[in-house]
Amino acid sequence: MSHQVSVWRAAQLVGVARGVLQQQVRDGSLLINDGMVSTETLLALYPSAKFEESGLLERVAQIRDEAFGKRVRERLLPSQEVLAQRLFAQSQELGDVRRHLQRYHELVIALQKAIREQQAGRPLDVAWQALERQVTRGLATVLATDAVDLLEVMDDMLKIMTAQVTVHPSGHQFVVEGHSNLLQSGLHAGLKFNYGCGNGSCGMCKVRVISGDVVKTQHFDYALSETEKSQGYTLMCCHTAASSELILEMLEAVGPQDIPEQEIVAKVRAVTVLAPDTCLLQLQTPRTHRLRFLAGQAVSLGCAVPGQADAHTTYSIASCPCDDRNLLFFVARDDADPLACQVFSGNLVTGSPVTVRGPGGVFVLSEGHRPLVFAACDLGFAPVKSLIEHALALDAVPSLSLFWLAMRADGHFQSNQCRAWSEALDNFEYELVTSTDVIAGAKQIALAMRADLFDINCDFYLSGPAEFVNTLTEDLRAAGVPSAQLFSQVM
């Protein structure tokens, strides 16, 4: 018997990116009905799907292994209270199904009895006998043990371990895993929620629950009015999903214009040397004042310099918005940059305060499900890294490709990150290019793009010096790429 699941669940069950299934829906190879996919259709498209590689069964095995301890249980399983509520909801559903089956069974038995009574004491009627045999065979078939639908079994397991949340009116979806609250889960999925403190004090993450149940995960000080409570409002930062399916109503940020300018005093968490002239600066914001930003945006960083007024320098954020407390920046050695001087002189140490102002910039991901192609030159890799991590969090892109030109002596200072993406993801590929001439390097990347990707309708994101961006933009436009699919950031 076919089982209906959402596209999001379907992607989880067969272990592919949601964007891959959405692409198959658009090209007609995967049929959907009211946004749902039948397991029969899914198995026909993925007959050799290896469910043990989808991640679900590995999680169950890991949870059994006590060596993983509390950290694994909290990451992979919800709390006992939430787990109990989800199991109770499924038991209710199972009870309803059993009651319906019992009523149908009684109806068929009554029909058999009526047929026999109708024939009692009368001449043999072939038509009545055929009808009785049909009813008897039908009942035997239904009562016989059916083949197990593995996708349906796994979907039931997923409903217990993870909750699926749908956001109205956008239609965006995300899953809640482990002990994560609704806000954390949505941000990790790449959604642009409105929020402030993240600890239940400001009320900016207020949301209305349309369908499903939530449970409180921590105390909060923000007071909801009685009217708001009666209408189903709650705080996303302090609640998680108690039911396997949840529908929320809220407004989401559409673009950079919806992100307010902020000023936060963060502290240095770590300074890591990546290469002789390149450092990774990691800042951590206060728990009660996180930086809300979009992937690809930049901020102004300022630190105290002895004998000077605080000087600010603009840096692209090299981390994903899903981790809004830990901000990453690539800092190059530059005698004209006060912050860089403090970093390389060793004066900026763990715990040092750094003022963060922003965010700014419009180099952000566009809505859509086309394959993504990124091209970066030197430290132009910073916003591209943020965009790639955000795209991976969205899980809605069929494929990602990265071309990185290195002109500095430090070269590809995070090539290990590119290699890790490539080894972990089937839909990611990259090419590292080295050249001392920015235009020649850009043309080399353009040739590589044409050779590998030119028959694909892609969105292109270009980041680096003006000569690099302009050369690639001209080449792609000349090749017929629409301007609406070209996005650039000059650094």
Protein backbone atom coordinates (compact mmCIF):
# COMPACT_ATOMS: atom_id res chain seq x y z
CA MET A 1 0.00 0.00 0.00
CA SER A 2 1.42 3.38 -1.02
CA HIS A 3 2.27 5.89 1.70
CA GLN A 4 2.22 9.68 1.15
CA VAL A 5 5.17 11.78 2.38
CA SER A 6 6.30 15.36 1.82
CA VAL A 7 9.17 16.17 -0.54
CA TRP A 8 11.27 17.05 2.52
CA ARG A 9 10.62 13.66 4.12
CA ALA A 10 11.15 11.91 0.79
CA ALA A 11 14.61 13.44 0.47
CA GLN A 12 15.46 12.27 3.99
CA LEU A 13 14.22 8.75 3.29
CA VAL A 14 16.28 8.16 0.12
CA GLY A 15 19.28 10.20 1.31
CA VAL A 16 19.43 12.93 -1.37
CA ALA A 17 19.27 16.72 -1.24
CA ARG A 18 15.76 18.13 -1.33
CA GLY A 19 16.79 20.23 -4.33
CA VAL A 20 17.47 17.06 -6.32
CA LEU A 21 13.88 15.87 -5.84
CA GLN A 22 12.52 19.34 -6.59
CA GLN A 23 14.48 19.35 -9.85
CA GLN A 24 12.98 15.94 -10.71
CA VAL A 25 9.51 17.32 -9.97
CA ARG A 26 10.15 20.21 -12.39
CA ASP A 27 11.42 17.95 -15.19
CA GLY A 28 8.49 15.54 -14.73
CA SER A 29 10.43 12.46 -13.61
CA LEU A 30 8.89 12.64 -10.11
CA LEU A 31 5.13 13.12 -9.80
CA ILE A 32 3.58 14.79 -6.77
CA ASN A 33 -0.01 15.19 -5.66
CA ASP A 34 -0.87 18.22 -3.51
CA GLY A 35 2.79 18.57 -2.58
CA MET A 36 3.06 14.91 -1.46
CA VAL A 37 5.07 12.03 -2.91
CA SER A 38 3.93 8.41 -2.78
CA THR A 39 6.45 5.87 -1.51
CA GLU A 40 5.57 3.68 -4.49
CA THR A 41 6.63 6.46 -6.90
CA LEU A 42 9.74 7.16 -4.83
CA LEU A 43 10.83 3.51 -4.87
CA ALA A 44 10.24 3.35 -8.60
CA LEU A 45 12.60 6.31 -9.08
CA TYR A 46 15.14 5.06 -6.51
CA PRO A 47 14.88 1.24 -6.69
CA SER A 48 18.40 0.74 -5.32
CA ALA A 49 18.13 3.28 -2.49
CA LYS A 50 20.30 2.13 0.39
CA PHE A 51 18.34 3.10 3.44
CA GLU A 52 21.18 2.29 5.77
CA GLU A 53 23.09 5.18 4.17
CA SER A 54 20.32 7.72 4.69
CA GLY A 55 21.65 8.46 8.16
CA LEU A 56 18.63 7.31 10.14
CA LEU A 57 19.75 3.77 10.92
CA GLU A 58 23.25 4.98 11.78
CA ARG A 59 21.72 7.35 14.31
CA VAL A 60 19.81 4.51 15.96
CA ALA A 61 23.00 2.43 16.15
CA GLN A 62 24.94 5.33 17.60
CA ILE A 63 22.31 5.94 20.24
CA ARG A 64 22.58 2.29 21.33
CA ASP A 65 26.31 2.73 21.76
CA GLU A 66 26.73 4.11 25.26
CA ALA A 67 30.25 5.33 24.45
CA PHE A 68 28.76 8.30 22.64
CA GLY A 69 27.25 9.44 25.93
CA LYS A 70 25.01 12.33 26.71
CA ARG A 71 26.23 14.56 23.85
CA VAL A 72 25.10 12.13 21.16
CA ARG A 73 21.72 11.53 22.81
CA GLU A 74 21.04 15.24 23.05
CA ARG A 75 22.01 15.85 19.44
CA LEU A 76 20.04 12.97 17.98
CA LEU A 77 17.10 12.29 20.27
CA PRO A 78 14.58 14.72 21.71
CA SER A 79 13.99 14.92 25.45
CA GLN A 80 12.05 12.15 27.18
CA GLU A 81 9.00 14.41 27.50
CA VAL A 82 8.99 15.29 23.80
CA LEU A 83 9.67 11.69 22.79
CA ALA A 84 6.77 10.51 24.95
CA GLN A 85 4.39 13.05 23.40
CA ARG A 86 5.36 12.05 19.86
CA LEU A 87 4.96 8.36 20.67
CA PHE A 88 1.58 9.07 22.26
CA ALA A 89 0.45 10.95 19.13
CA GLN A 90 1.50 8.02 16.94
CA SER A 91 -0.22 5.53 19.23
CA GLN A 92 -3.43 7.57 18.92
CA GLU A 93 -3.10 7.50 15.13
CA LEU A 94 -2.51 3.75 15.22
CA GLY A 95 -5.54 3.29 17.49
CA ASP A 96 -7.73 5.25 15.07
CA VAL A 97 -6.56 3.09 12.18
CA ARG A 98 -7.27 -0.09 14.11
CA ARG A 99 -10.77 1.06 15.01
CA HIS A 100 -11.49 1.84 11.34
CA LEU A 101 -10.17 -1.58 10.28
CA GLN A 102 -12.26 -3.29 12.93
CA ARG A 103 -15.42 -1.54 11.69
CA TYR A 104 -14.68 -2.51 8.07
CA HIS A 105 -13.98 -6.09 9.17
CA GLU A 106 -17.31 -6.25 10.98
CA LEU A 107 -19.03 -4.81 7.91
CA VAL A 108 -17.58 -7.51 5.63
CA ILE A 109 -18.49 -10.30 8.07
CA ALA A 110 -22.05 -8.94 8.25
CA LEU A 111 -22.18 -8.89 4.45
CA GLN A 112 -21.06 -12.53 4.28
CA LYS A 113 -23.74 -13.48 6.79
CA ALA A 114 -26.43 -11.58 4.87
CA ILE A 115 -25.48 -13.35 1.62
CA ARG A 116 -25.72 -16.74 3.28
CA GLU A 117 -29.08 -15.92 4.86
CA GLN A 118 -30.32 -14.68 1.51
CA GLN A 119 -29.46 -18.08 -0.03
CA ALA A 120 -30.76 -20.23 2.83
CA GLY A 121 -33.51 -22.60 1.69
CA ARG A 122 -33.40 -21.35 -1.92
CA PRO A 123 -32.26 -22.96 -5.17
CA LEU A 124 -28.53 -22.59 -5.92
CA ASP A 125 -27.78 -19.19 -7.44
CA VAL A 126 -24.40 -19.00 -9.23
CA ALA A 127 -24.25 -15.19 -9.02
CA TRP A 128 -24.78 -15.15 -5.25
CA GLN A 129 -22.16 -17.90 -4.80
CA ALA A 130 -19.66 -15.91 -6.90
CA LEU A 131 -20.34 -12.79 -4.81
CA GLU A 132 -19.76 -14.69 -1.57
CA ARG A 133 -16.47 -16.17 -2.87
CA GLN A 134 -15.34 -12.67 -3.90
CA VAL A 135 -16.10 -11.25 -0.45
CA THR A 136 -14.34 -14.20 1.25
CA ARG A 137 -11.22 -13.90 -0.97
CA GLY A 138 -11.14 -10.14 -0.44
CA LEU A 139 -11.30 -10.53 3.33
CA ALA A 140 -8.55 -13.19 3.25
CA THR A 141 -6.33 -10.93 1.17
CA VAL A 142 -6.75 -8.00 3.55
CA LEU A 143 -6.10 -10.16 6.62
CA ALA A 144 -3.00 -11.73 5.06
CA THR A 145 0.34 -10.25 6.03
CA ASP A 146 1.33 -7.59 3.49
CA ALA A 147 4.91 -6.96 2.41
CA VAL A 148 6.59 -4.39 4.63
CA ASP A 149 6.92 -0.91 3.08
CA LEU A 150 10.41 0.04 4.29
CA LEU A 151 9.90 3.69 3.41
CA GLU A 152 6.73 3.80 5.50
CA VAL A 153 8.52 2.20 8.45
CA MET A 154 11.38 4.69 8.20
CA ASP A 155 8.94 7.59 7.89
CA ASP A 156 7.29 6.49 11.13
CA MET A 157 10.70 6.38 12.81
CA LEU A 158 11.57 9.83 11.50
CA LYS A 159 8.33 11.22 12.90
CA ILE A 160 9.41 10.09 16.35
CA MET A 161 13.05 11.20 16.13
CA THR A 162 12.54 14.41 14.16
CA ALA A 163 9.62 16.78 13.77
CA GLN A 164 8.80 18.41 10.45
CA VAL A 165 7.86 22.09 10.64
CA THR A 166 6.13 24.02 7.85
CA VAL A 167 6.16 27.81 7.86
CA HIS A 168 3.24 29.82 6.52
CA PRO A 169 2.86 31.80 4.33
CA SER A 170 6.28 31.06 2.75
CA GLY A 171 5.85 27.28 2.67
CA HIS A 172 9.43 26.78 3.89
CA GLN A 173 10.10 23.60 5.83
CA PHE A 174 12.68 22.46 8.35
CA VAL A 175 13.17 19.63 10.83
CA VAL A 176 13.71 19.72 14.57
CA GLU A 177 16.26 17.24 15.86
CA GLY A 178 17.52 16.39 19.33
CA HIS A 179 17.11 19.04 22.01
CA SER A 180 17.13 21.97 19.56
CA ASN A 181 14.45 24.60 19.93
CA LEU A 182 12.40 25.89 16.99
CA LEU A 183 14.57 28.96 16.47
CA GLN A 184 17.86 27.02 16.44
CA SER A 185 16.44 24.41 14.07
CA GLY A 186 15.08 27.00 11.64
CA LEU A 187 18.36 28.95 11.59
CA HIS A 188 20.35 25.74 11.04
CA ALA A 189 18.09 25.05 8.07
CA GLY A 190 19.03 28.44 6.61
CA LEU A 191 15.72 30.23 7.17
CA LYS A 192 15.63 34.00 7.80
CA PHE A 193 13.64 34.31 11.01
CA ASN A 194 13.10 37.46 12.99
CA TYR A 195 14.73 37.21 16.43
CA GLY A 196 16.79 39.13 18.95
CA CYS A 197 18.13 37.81 22.24
CA GLY A 198 17.56 34.10 21.67
CA ASN A 199 16.82 33.51 25.37
CA GLY A 200 13.17 34.52 25.82
CA SER A 201 13.61 38.14 26.90
CA CYS A 202 12.75 40.27 23.86
CA GLY A 203 9.79 38.48 22.24
CA MET A 204 11.04 39.16 18.70
CA CYS A 205 10.80 35.46 17.75
CA LYS A 206 7.09 35.32 18.62
CA VAL A 207 5.22 32.92 16.33
CA ARG A 208 1.68 31.55 16.01
CA VAL A 209 1.16 27.78 16.16
CA ILE A 210 -1.50 26.87 13.57
CA SER A 211 -1.32 23.10 13.89
CA GLY A 212 0.56 20.67 16.11
CA ASP A 213 1.93 20.93 19.63
CA VAL A 214 4.95 22.58 21.21
CA VAL A 215 6.62 22.14 24.60
CA LYS A 216 8.70 24.61 26.60
CA THR A 217 12.43 23.95 26.70
CA GLN A 218 13.55 26.76 28.99
CA HIS A 219 12.24 29.57 31.20
CA PHE A 220 11.46 32.89 29.49
CA ASP A 221 10.80 36.37 30.89
CA TYR A 222 8.82 37.81 27.98
CA ALA A 223 5.13 38.00 28.93
CA LEU A 224 2.64 36.95 26.27
CA SER A 225 -0.74 38.63 26.59
CA GLU A 226 -3.84 36.52 27.23
CA THR A 227 -5.04 37.37 23.70
CA GLU A 228 -1.76 36.14 22.21
CA LYS A 229 -1.94 32.93 24.25
CA SER A 230 -5.52 32.29 23.10
CA GLN A 231 -4.44 32.78 19.49
CA GLY A 232 -1.67 30.22 19.83
CA TYR A 233 1.39 32.48 20.00
CA THR A 234 4.62 31.24 21.55
CA LEU A 235 8.38 31.99 21.53
CA MET A 236 10.46 29.93 19.12
CA CYS A 237 13.66 30.30 21.18
CA CYS A 238 12.10 28.62 24.23
CA HIS A 239 9.95 25.88 22.66
CA THR A 240 10.44 22.77 20.57
CA ALA A 241 8.07 20.58 18.58
CA ALA A 242 6.12 18.06 20.67
CA SER A 243 4.27 16.59 17.68
CA SER A 244 5.82 15.02 14.60
CA GLU A 245 4.30 17.68 12.35
CA LEU A 246 3.95 21.37 13.12
CA ILE A 247 2.64 24.36 11.18
CA LEU A 248 3.76 27.85 12.21
CA GLU A 249 2.71 31.27 10.96
CA MET A 250 5.30 34.06 10.83
CA LEU A 251 6.90 36.65 8.59
CA GLU A 252 10.45 35.97 7.39
CA ALA A 253 13.12 38.31 6.12
CA VAL A 254 13.14 38.48 2.31
CA GLY A 255 16.43 40.28 1.77
CA PRO A 256 19.10 42.55 3.27
CA GLN A 257 16.61 45.39 3.61
CA ASP A 258 14.80 43.38 6.30
CA ILE A 259 17.89 42.95 8.50
CA PRO A 260 18.33 45.83 10.99
CA GLU A 261 21.71 47.45 11.61
CA GLN A 262 23.19 46.36 14.93
CA GLU A 263 26.15 47.19 17.15
CA ILE A 264 27.54 44.47 19.38
CA VAL A 265 30.64 44.24 21.52
CA ALA A 266 31.95 40.74 20.90
CA LYS A 267 35.00 39.04 22.37
CA VAL A 268 37.83 37.26 20.67
CA ARG A 269 37.41 33.54 21.09
CA ALA A 270 40.45 32.47 19.06
CA VAL A 271 43.05 33.66 16.56
CA THR A 272 44.35 30.86 14.34
CA VAL A 273 47.24 31.17 11.89
CA LEU A 274 46.17 29.66 8.56
CA ALA A 275 49.24 30.76 6.58
CA PRO A 276 52.15 33.20 7.14
CA ASP A 277 50.06 36.21 6.13
CA THR A 278 46.50 34.97 6.83
CA CYS A 279 44.76 34.45 10.18
CA LEU A 280 41.32 33.21 11.12
CA LEU A 281 39.69 35.52 13.67
CA GLN A 282 36.83 33.99 15.65
CA LEU A 283 34.56 36.32 17.61
CA GLN A 284 31.83 35.32 20.01
CA THR A 285 28.83 37.55 20.71
CA PRO A 286 27.06 37.72 24.10
CA ARG A 287 24.36 35.11 24.64
CA THR A 288 21.77 37.86 24.97
CA HIS A 289 22.81 39.83 21.87
CA ARG A 290 23.54 37.75 18.80
CA LEU A 291 24.29 39.14 15.35
CA ARG A 292 21.47 38.68 12.89
CA PHE A 293 22.82 38.65 9.31
CA LEU A 294 22.46 36.99 5.93
CA ALA A 295 25.10 34.75 4.40
CA GLY A 296 27.47 36.79 2.21
CA GLN A 297 27.11 40.03 4.16
CA ALA A 298 29.89 42.06 5.78
CA VAL A 299 30.36 43.98 9.04
CA SER A 300 32.65 46.69 10.35
CA LEU A 301 35.12 45.53 13.01
CA GLY A 302 36.81 47.88 15.47
CA CYS A 303 39.22 47.36 18.35
CA ALA A 304 41.04 49.59 20.80
CA VAL A 305 44.47 50.69 19.56
CA PRO A 306 46.76 52.30 22.16
CA GLY A 307 47.11 56.04 21.57
CA GLN A 308 44.51 56.04 18.75
CA ALA A 309 40.79 56.35 18.36
CA ASP A 310 38.99 53.11 17.53
CA ALA A 311 39.38 52.41 13.83
CA HIS A 312 36.90 50.24 11.94
CA THR A 313 37.57 48.01 8.95
CA THR A 314 34.98 46.19 6.82
CA TYR A 315 35.26 42.41 6.72
CA SER A 316 33.05 39.82 5.03
CA ILE A 317 31.68 37.24 7.46
CA ALA A 318 33.09 33.81 6.63
CA SER A 319 30.59 31.78 8.64
CA CYS A 320 26.97 30.67 8.32
CA PRO A 321 24.10 32.66 9.91
CA CYS A 322 23.00 29.41 11.54
CA ASP A 323 25.78 29.93 14.12
CA ASP A 324 25.03 33.54 14.97
CA ARG A 325 27.18 33.66 18.13
CA ASN A 326 30.44 32.49 16.56
CA LEU A 327 31.57 34.80 13.76
CA LEU A 328 34.53 33.94 11.54
CA PHE A 329 36.74 36.36 9.59
CA PHE A 330 39.81 35.93 7.38
CA VAL A 331 42.36 38.61 8.22
CA ALA A 332 45.28 39.32 5.87
CA ARG A 333 48.48 41.00 6.99
CA ASP A 334 48.08 44.69 6.13
CA ASP A 335 50.05 47.52 7.73
CA ALA A 336 47.30 49.98 6.74
CA ASP A 337 44.61 48.03 8.61
CA PRO A 338 44.57 48.73 12.37
CA LEU A 339 42.69 45.52 13.18
CA ALA A 340 45.08 43.39 11.10
CA CYS A 341 48.04 45.02 12.85
CA GLN A 342 46.56 44.12 16.24
CA VAL A 343 45.95 40.53 15.11
CA PHE A 344 49.44 39.92 13.70
CA SER A 345 51.21 41.74 16.52
CA GLY A 346 49.59 39.43 19.05
CA ASN A 347 47.80 42.27 20.87
CA LEU A 348 44.35 40.86 20.02
CA VAL A 349 44.09 37.83 22.30
CA THR A 350 41.34 35.62 23.68
CA GLY A 351 38.84 37.78 25.55
CA SER A 352 39.77 41.06 23.83
CA PRO A 353 36.70 43.18 22.97
CA VAL A 354 35.89 43.90 19.31
CA THR A 355 33.02 46.15 18.23
CA VAL A 356 30.87 44.68 15.46
CA ARG A 357 28.66 47.03 13.40
CA GLY A 358 26.36 45.92 10.61
CA PRO A 359 25.53 43.89 8.70
CA GLY A 360 25.70 45.40 5.23
CA GLY A 361 25.87 44.32 1.62
CA VAL A 362 23.56 42.65 -0.89
CA PHE A 363 25.77 39.73 -1.93
CA VAL A 364 23.28 37.12 -0.67
CA LEU A 365 21.69 33.97 -2.06
CA SER A 366 18.78 34.48 -4.42
CA GLU A 367 15.58 32.46 -4.01
CA GLY A 368 15.48 29.53 -6.40
CA HIS A 369 16.58 25.96 -6.96
CA ARG A 370 19.13 26.29 -9.77
CA PRO A 371 22.61 24.77 -9.39
CA LEU A 372 25.03 27.24 -7.81
CA VAL A 373 28.48 28.18 -9.14
CA PHE A 374 30.87 30.20 -6.96
CA ALA A 375 34.06 31.94 -8.09
CA ALA A 376 36.40 33.64 -5.60
CA CYS A 377 39.77 35.33 -5.72
CA ASP A 378 42.01 35.31 -2.63
CA LEU A 379 40.05 36.57 0.42
CA GLY A 380 36.93 36.78 -1.73
CA PHE A 381 36.60 33.21 -0.46
CA ALA A 382 35.19 34.59 2.84
CA PRO A 383 31.67 35.57 1.65
CA VAL A 384 31.63 32.59 -0.72
CA LYS A 385 32.32 30.22 2.19
CA SER A 386 29.38 31.76 4.07
CA LEU A 387 27.12 31.36 1.03
CA ILE A 388 28.14 27.73 0.50
CA GLU A 389 27.49 26.82 4.13
CA HIS A 390 24.12 28.57 3.96
CA ALA A 391 23.21 26.72 0.74
CA LEU A 392 24.16 23.41 2.37
CA ALA A 393 21.95 24.26 5.35
CA LEU A 394 19.02 24.96 3.02
CA ASP A 395 19.47 21.52 1.38
CA ALA A 396 17.54 22.80 -1.62
CA VAL A 397 20.27 23.05 -4.26
CA PRO A 398 20.85 20.26 -6.81
CA SER A 399 24.61 20.93 -7.01
CA LEU A 400 27.35 23.37 -5.99
CA SER A 401 30.63 24.18 -7.74
CA LEU A 402 33.52 26.32 -6.50
CA PHE A 403 36.38 27.90 -8.45
CA TRP A 404 39.01 29.60 -6.28
CA LEU A 405 41.83 31.72 -7.73
CA ALA A 406 44.86 32.30 -5.48
CA MET A 407 47.22 35.18 -6.31
CA ARG A 408 48.77 35.69 -2.86
CA ALA A 409 51.74 33.70 -1.60
CA ASP A 410 49.49 32.15 1.05
CA GLY A 411 47.59 30.41 -1.74
CA HIS A 412 44.43 28.46 -0.95
CA PHE A 413 44.65 28.84 2.82
CA GLN A 414 41.52 26.73 3.40
CA SER A 415 41.91 24.06 0.74
CA ASN A 416 41.27 21.46 3.46
CA GLN A 417 37.75 22.89 3.86
CA CYS A 418 37.11 22.49 0.12
CA ARG A 419 38.40 18.94 0.23
CA ALA A 420 36.17 18.13 3.22
CA TRP A 421 33.09 19.43 1.37
CA SER A 422 33.97 17.40 -1.71
CA GLU A 423 34.52 14.17 0.24
CA ALA A 424 31.35 14.56 2.30
CA LEU A 425 28.97 15.75 -0.44
CA ASP A 426 28.10 14.06 -3.72
CA ASN A 427 26.75 17.31 -5.16
CA PHE A 428 29.86 19.48 -4.50
CA GLU A 429 32.91 19.90 -6.73
CA TYR A 430 35.73 22.41 -6.70
CA GLU A 431 38.78 23.55 -8.68
CA LEU A 432 41.74 25.48 -7.27
CA VAL A 433 43.53 27.83 -9.66
CA THR A 434 46.83 29.67 -9.08
CA SER A 435 48.02 32.69 -11.09
CA THR A 436 49.91 35.92 -10.51
CA ASP A 437 47.79 37.69 -13.14
CA VAL A 438 44.22 38.36 -12.05
CA ILE A 439 42.78 38.63 -15.57
CA ALA A 440 44.57 35.50 -16.79
CA GLY A 441 43.35 33.64 -13.72
CA ALA A 442 39.77 34.81 -14.28
CA LYS A 443 39.89 33.67 -17.91
CA GLN A 444 41.22 30.28 -16.82
CA ILE A 445 38.24 29.91 -14.48
CA ALA A 446 35.87 31.01 -17.27
CA LEU A 447 37.24 28.26 -19.53
CA ALA A 448 36.83 25.68 -16.75
CA MET A 449 33.24 26.81 -16.20
CA ARG A 450 32.44 26.46 -19.88
CA ALA A 451 33.97 23.00 -20.02
CA ASP A 452 32.15 21.65 -16.97
CA LEU A 453 28.97 23.62 -16.51
CA PHE A 454 27.93 25.52 -19.57
CA ASP A 455 24.98 23.34 -20.49
CA ILE A 456 23.50 23.88 -17.02
CA ASN A 457 21.19 26.73 -16.09
CA CYS A 458 23.05 28.05 -13.04
CA ASP A 459 23.26 31.02 -10.68
CA PHE A 460 26.79 32.50 -10.56
CA TYR A 461 28.29 34.21 -7.49
CA LEU A 462 31.56 36.08 -8.06
CA SER A 463 33.73 37.60 -5.31
CA GLY A 464 37.13 39.28 -5.49
CA PRO A 465 38.97 42.28 -6.98
CA ALA A 466 37.20 44.41 -9.59
CA GLU A 467 39.33 43.03 -12.46
CA PHE A 468 38.48 39.46 -11.47
CA VAL A 469 34.74 40.09 -11.13
CA ASN A 470 34.49 42.21 -14.31
CA THR A 471 36.41 39.71 -16.46
CA LEU A 472 34.23 36.79 -15.38
CA THR A 473 31.02 38.84 -15.67
CA GLU A 474 31.83 39.89 -19.23
CA ASP A 475 32.68 36.34 -20.24
CA LEU A 476 29.52 34.86 -18.74
CA ARG A 477 27.29 37.55 -20.26
CA ALA A 478 28.90 37.04 -23.67
CA ALA A 479 28.14 33.35 -23.34
CA GLY A 480 24.45 34.09 -22.78
CA VAL A 481 24.06 33.93 -19.00
CA PRO A 482 21.18 36.28 -18.03
CA SER A 483 22.09 39.24 -15.82
CA ALA A 484 19.48 38.06 -13.31
CA GLN A 485 21.63 34.96 -12.68
CA LEU A 486 24.85 36.88 -12.01
CA PHE A 487 25.68 38.14 -8.50
CA SER A 488 28.95 39.81 -7.58
CA GLN A 489 30.89 41.34 -4.69
CA VAL A 490 33.95 43.52 -5.37
CA MET A 491 36.48 43.35 -2.53
